[in-house]
C-alpha atoms as a PDB file:
ATOM      1  CA  MET A   1     -14.138   3.949  14.030  1.00  0.00           C
ATOM      2  CA  LEU A   2     -12.390   6.781  15.836  1.00  0.00           C
ATOM      3  CA  THR A   3      -9.113   4.598  16.202  1.00  0.00           C
ATOM      4  CA  VAL A   4      -8.993   4.343  12.365  1.00  0.00           C
ATOM      5  CA  ALA A   5      -9.478   8.164  12.091  1.00  0.00           C
ATOM      6  CA  ILE A   6      -6.639   8.780  14.261  1.00  0.00           C
ATOM      7  CA  ILE A   7      -4.509   6.391  12.509  1.00  0.00           C
ATOM      8  CA  ALA A   8      -5.154   7.894   9.271  1.00  0.00           C
ATOM      9  CA  ALA A   9      -4.447  11.418  10.836  1.00  0.00           C
ATOM     10  CA  ALA A  10      -1.173  10.194  12.147  1.00  0.00           C
ATOM     11  CA  LEU A  11      -0.215   9.057   8.594  1.00  0.00           C
ATOM     12  CA  VAL A  12      -0.971  12.429   7.020  1.00  0.00           C
ATOM     13  CA  ILE A  13       0.731  14.206   9.711  1.00  0.00           C
ATOM     14  CA  ARG A  14       3.789  11.907   9.338  1.00  0.00           C
ATOM     15  CA  THR A  15       3.656  12.754   5.377  1.00  0.00           C
ATOM     16  CA  ALA A  16       3.585  16.417   6.054  1.00  0.00           C
ATOM     17  CA  LEU A  17       6.408  16.538   8.607  1.00  0.00           C
ATOM     18  CA  SER A  18       8.585  14.375   6.102  1.00  0.00           C
ATOM     19  CA  GLU A  19       7.634  16.668   3.174  1.00  0.00           C
ATOM     20  CA  ILE A  20       8.721  19.674   5.287  1.00  0.00           C
ATOM     21  CA  ARG A  21      12.130  18.057   6.158  1.00  0.00           C
ATOM     22  CA  SER A  22      12.827  16.907   2.473  1.00  0.00           C
ATOM     23  CA  PRO A  23      10.640  18.347  -0.267  1.00  0.00           C
ATOM     24  CA  GLY A  24       9.579  15.416  -2.704  1.00  0.00           C
ATOM     25  CA  SER A  25       9.455  12.700   0.061  1.00  0.00           C
ATOM     26  CA  ALA A  26       5.614  12.662   0.004  1.00  0.00           C
ATOM     27  CA  ARG A  27       5.381  11.824  -3.570  1.00  0.00           C
ATOM     28  CA  GLN A  28       7.951   9.033  -3.214  1.00  0.00           C
ATOM     29  CA  GLY A  29       6.036   7.794  -0.072  1.00  0.00           C
ATOM     30  CA  TRP A  30       2.588   7.754  -1.536  1.00  0.00           C
ATOM     31  CA  ALA A  31       3.788   6.415  -4.986  1.00  0.00           C
ATOM     32  CA  PHE A  32       2.026   3.138  -4.454  1.00  0.00           C
ATOM     33  CA  VAL A  33      -1.217   4.771  -5.147  1.00  0.00           C
ATOM     34  CA  THR A  34      -0.195   5.089  -8.769  1.00  0.00           C
ATOM     35  CA  ASP A  35       0.901   1.563  -9.016  1.00  0.00           C
ATOM     36  CA  GLY A  36      -1.740  -0.462 -10.458  1.00  0.00           C
ATOM     37  CA  VAL A  37      -0.450  -3.971  -9.204  1.00  0.00           C
ATOM     38  CA  ALA A  38      -0.046  -2.625  -5.748  1.00  0.00           C
ATOM     39  CA  MET A  39      -3.420  -0.912  -5.641  1.00  0.00           C
ATOM     40  CA  LEU A  40      -5.086  -4.134  -7.016  1.00  0.00           C
ATOM     41  CA  SER A  41      -3.457  -6.007  -4.268  1.00  0.00           C
ATOM     42  CA  GLY A  42      -4.636  -3.593  -1.705  1.00  0.00           C
ATOM     43  CA  ALA A  43      -8.224  -3.718  -3.213  1.00  0.00           C
ATOM     44  CA  VAL A  44      -8.394  -7.310  -3.147  1.00  0.00           C
ATOM     45  CA  ALA A  45      -7.208  -7.580   0.537  1.00  0.00           C
ATOM     46  CA  ALA A  46      -9.591  -4.737   1.572  1.00  0.00           C
ATOM     47  CA  LEU A  47     -12.452  -6.541  -0.295  1.00  0.00           C
ATOM     48  CA  CYS A  48     -11.839  -9.707   1.301  1.00  0.00           C
ATOM     49  CA  LEU A  49     -11.395  -8.365   4.772  1.00  0.00           C
ATOM     50  CA  GLY A  50     -14.324  -5.901   4.347  1.00  0.00           C
ATOM     51  CA  ALA A  51     -16.501  -8.957   3.371  1.00  0.00           C
ATOM     52  CA  MET A  52     -15.512 -10.993   6.321  1.00  0.00           C
ATOM     53  CA  GLY A  53     -15.672  -7.881   8.757  1.00  0.00           C
ATOM     54  CA  TRP A  54     -18.945  -6.953   7.454  1.00  0.00           C
ATOM     55  CA  TYR A  55     -20.561 -10.220   8.356  1.00  0.00           C
ATOM     56  CA  HIS A  56     -19.029 -10.166  11.913  1.00  0.00           C
ATOM     57  CA  ALA A  57     -18.601  -6.501  12.890  1.00  0.00           C
ATOM     58  CA  GLY A  58     -20.486  -4.216  10.324  1.00  0.00           C
ATOM     59  CA  TYR A  59     -19.673  -0.775   9.498  1.00  0.00           C
ATOM     60  CA  ASP A  60     -16.586  -0.620  11.690  1.00  0.00           C
ATOM     61  CA  ALA A  61     -14.894  -3.358   9.976  1.00  0.00           C
ATOM     62  CA  MET A  62     -15.144  -1.558   6.548  1.00  0.00           C
ATOM     63  CA  ALA A  63     -12.843   1.254   7.831  1.00  0.00           C
ATOM     64  CA  TRP A  64     -10.160  -1.117   9.135  1.00  0.00           C
ATOM     65  CA  ALA A  65     -10.509  -3.136   5.857  1.00  0.00           C
ATOM     66  CA  GLY A  66      -9.729   0.043   3.935  1.00  0.00           C
ATOM     67  CA  LEU A  67      -6.692   0.742   6.046  1.00  0.00           C
ATOM     68  CA  ALA A  68      -5.397  -2.737   5.935  1.00  0.00           C
ATOM     69  CA  GLY A  69      -5.827  -2.466   1.964  1.00  0.00           C
ATOM     70  CA  LEU A  70      -3.689   0.758   1.861  1.00  0.00           C
ATOM     71  CA  LEU A  71      -1.078  -1.163   4.057  1.00  0.00           C
ATOM     72  CA  VAL A  72      -1.143  -4.115   1.688  1.00  0.00           C
ATOM     73  CA  ALA A  73      -0.627  -1.973  -1.421  1.00  0.00           C
ATOM     74  CA  TYR A  74       2.235   0.095   0.415  1.00  0.00           C
ATOM     75  CA  LEU A  75       3.990  -3.121   1.118  1.00  0.00           C
ATOM     76  CA  ALA A  76       3.351  -4.602  -2.318  1.00  0.00           C
ATOM     77  CA  ARG A  77       4.888  -1.567  -3.993  1.00  0.00           C
ATOM     78  CA  ARG A  78       7.807  -1.619  -1.486  1.00  0.00           C
ATOM     79  CA  SER A  79       8.693  -5.347  -2.028  1.00  0.00           C
ATOM     80  CA  ARG A  80       8.473  -4.737  -5.840  1.00  0.00           C
ATOM     81  CA  SER A  81      10.944  -1.814  -5.755  1.00  0.00           C
ATOM     82  CA  THR A  82      13.266  -3.358  -3.291  1.00  0.00           C
ATOM     83  CA  LEU A  83      13.463  -6.922  -4.709  1.00  0.00           C
ATOM     84  CA  PRO A  84      13.407  -6.267  -8.575  1.00  0.00           C
ATOM     85  CA  GLY A  85      15.332  -9.297  -9.402  1.00  0.00           C
ATOM     86  CA  LEU A  86      12.855 -11.739  -7.930  1.00  0.00           C
ATOM     87  CA  LEU A  87       9.894 -10.398  -9.794  1.00  0.00           C
ATOM     88  CA  THR A  88      11.430 -10.027 -13.326  1.00  0.00           C
ATOM     89  CA  ARG A  89      12.007 -12.631 -16.013  1.00  0.00           C
ATOM     90  CA  PRO A  90      15.726 -13.867 -16.077  1.00  0.00           C
ATOM     91  CA  ARG A  91      17.795 -12.624 -19.020  1.00  0.00           C
ATOM     92  CA  SER A  92      19.000 -14.862 -21.600  1.00  0.00           C
ATOM     93  CA  ARG A  93      22.191 -16.361 -20.734  1.00  0.00           C
ATOM     94  CA  LEU A  94      23.247 -16.629 -24.463  1.00  0.00           C
ATOM     95  CA  PRO A  95      26.290 -14.673 -25.544  1.00  0.00           C
ATOM     96  CA  PRO A  96      25.645 -11.705 -27.797  1.00  0.00           C
ATOM     97  CA  ARG A  97      26.243 -12.265 -31.432  1.00  0.00           C
END
């Protein structure tokens, strides 16, 4: 459990230092929290990992599942913003009238 707290503190410190270097970077770095699809992906991952972890390891697994859910949400947001062509509908190939 202490390891999860240390990792979470390291993420907060990293965010604070990047915000000091370039203002506004924290808002961009944590934008996945406001993205519904990314948060749903993270919540599903955390729920599945938490259910399996609870059965095998108890309370400690819940903290790891929450951290893994945040990572999944971050990666889901990042992949959607860097690969927009793969996740959108193709435009019509008909010429304009």
